[in-house]
Amino acid sequence: MYLDSELYQRIVGKKKRLESLRPLPKDAVKRLRHQMSIELTYNSNAIEGNTLTLNETRLLLDEGITVGGKPLKHYLEATNHKTALKFVESITNKRREIDEIVILELHEILLKGVSEYAGRYRDRRVRITGAIFTPPSPDKIIKLMAGFSDWLKSTELNSIEKAALAHYKLVKIHPFFDGNGRTARLLMNLILIREGYPPTILRYVDRKKYYRVLKEADKDNPLPLVQFIARAAEQSLNLYLEALDPSTKKELIPLKEAAKHCDYSQEYLSLLSRRGLLGATKINRTWHVSPEDLQAYLKKHGKNLKKQ
């Protein structure tokens, strides 16, 4: 097992809690999915150098309003990503098998009007800036993708590990000239959403750490990447539970506030959050935690919330 058992059990517990709330209120779920769609689009594109801000992405996708001075390519990338997310939802609903054809279709949607190679494998060698490996030659791609497709069908890893490693395996094959990262992140989400998880966002503000854990995977150490994606999945679960669970009495609180309720400093709570030990959620670059998760961590370590 690649994933830390404590983190995994905490995630499984939250997923079960979300499932216990079904049927979920349709209007609330619709609002959440809409917001997550915009944030997914913004963050995934921003990681690849797209210059649209979150607000500009929202204006474009909701109102069709564009801001002058931005490349047409960046607008197309945003609208294509929204269409690709709808494609992911349609596959999830139809229970269609996830295979090489699905990946090609995802790529074609993402790069439509952006690249002449949309939906096509590259036919020349490429190099990845900053990577410690060279992607395979184009003559090997078809065989590698067929093997990857077989792995997707046969692996017995849990859904988070499968999603994380599927993301990495696709990026390492690097079958396309452009759009490999965006396609890999959508494939990751397709696997997770099919298993009942909310959409999982790898955030632009965490891109340096994202690149670091990908480099570790290049050194045959995929654990940091799996943990990184697991924590992102947990953050989405936290947001969904906060919005949908009627038993949630308090909203997520920033760590500065949480530190007042225990003997740990804000800095130490932040360290626990970054390591995935606290179950915190990053909102606008600031870590937040639910009183429930804070109490669970304290109880495990023989401590209690301070009386106010």
Foldseek 3Di string as FASTA:
>chain_A
DLEDPVLVVVLVVLLVVLVVLPPFDPVLVVVLQVLVLLQQLQFLVVLVPQDQDSVQLCCCVPPVDHDPPGDPLSSQLSVLSSVLLVVLVVCLVVVDQDAPQNLLVSQLSNCPVPDPQRSHFDQAFDADPPAPDGADHQVCLVVLRRVLRVCLVDDPDPLLVSLLVQLLSQVRNVRHPDDSNVSSLSSSQSSQVSVRFRRFHDGNVCSVVQVVLSNVVVVVNNSSSSQSRSLSSLQSSLVCCQSTPPVQPDHWAFLCVVVLFFVDHSVVVVVCSVSSNQSWHADPNTTTHRPVSSQVSQVVVVHGTHDD
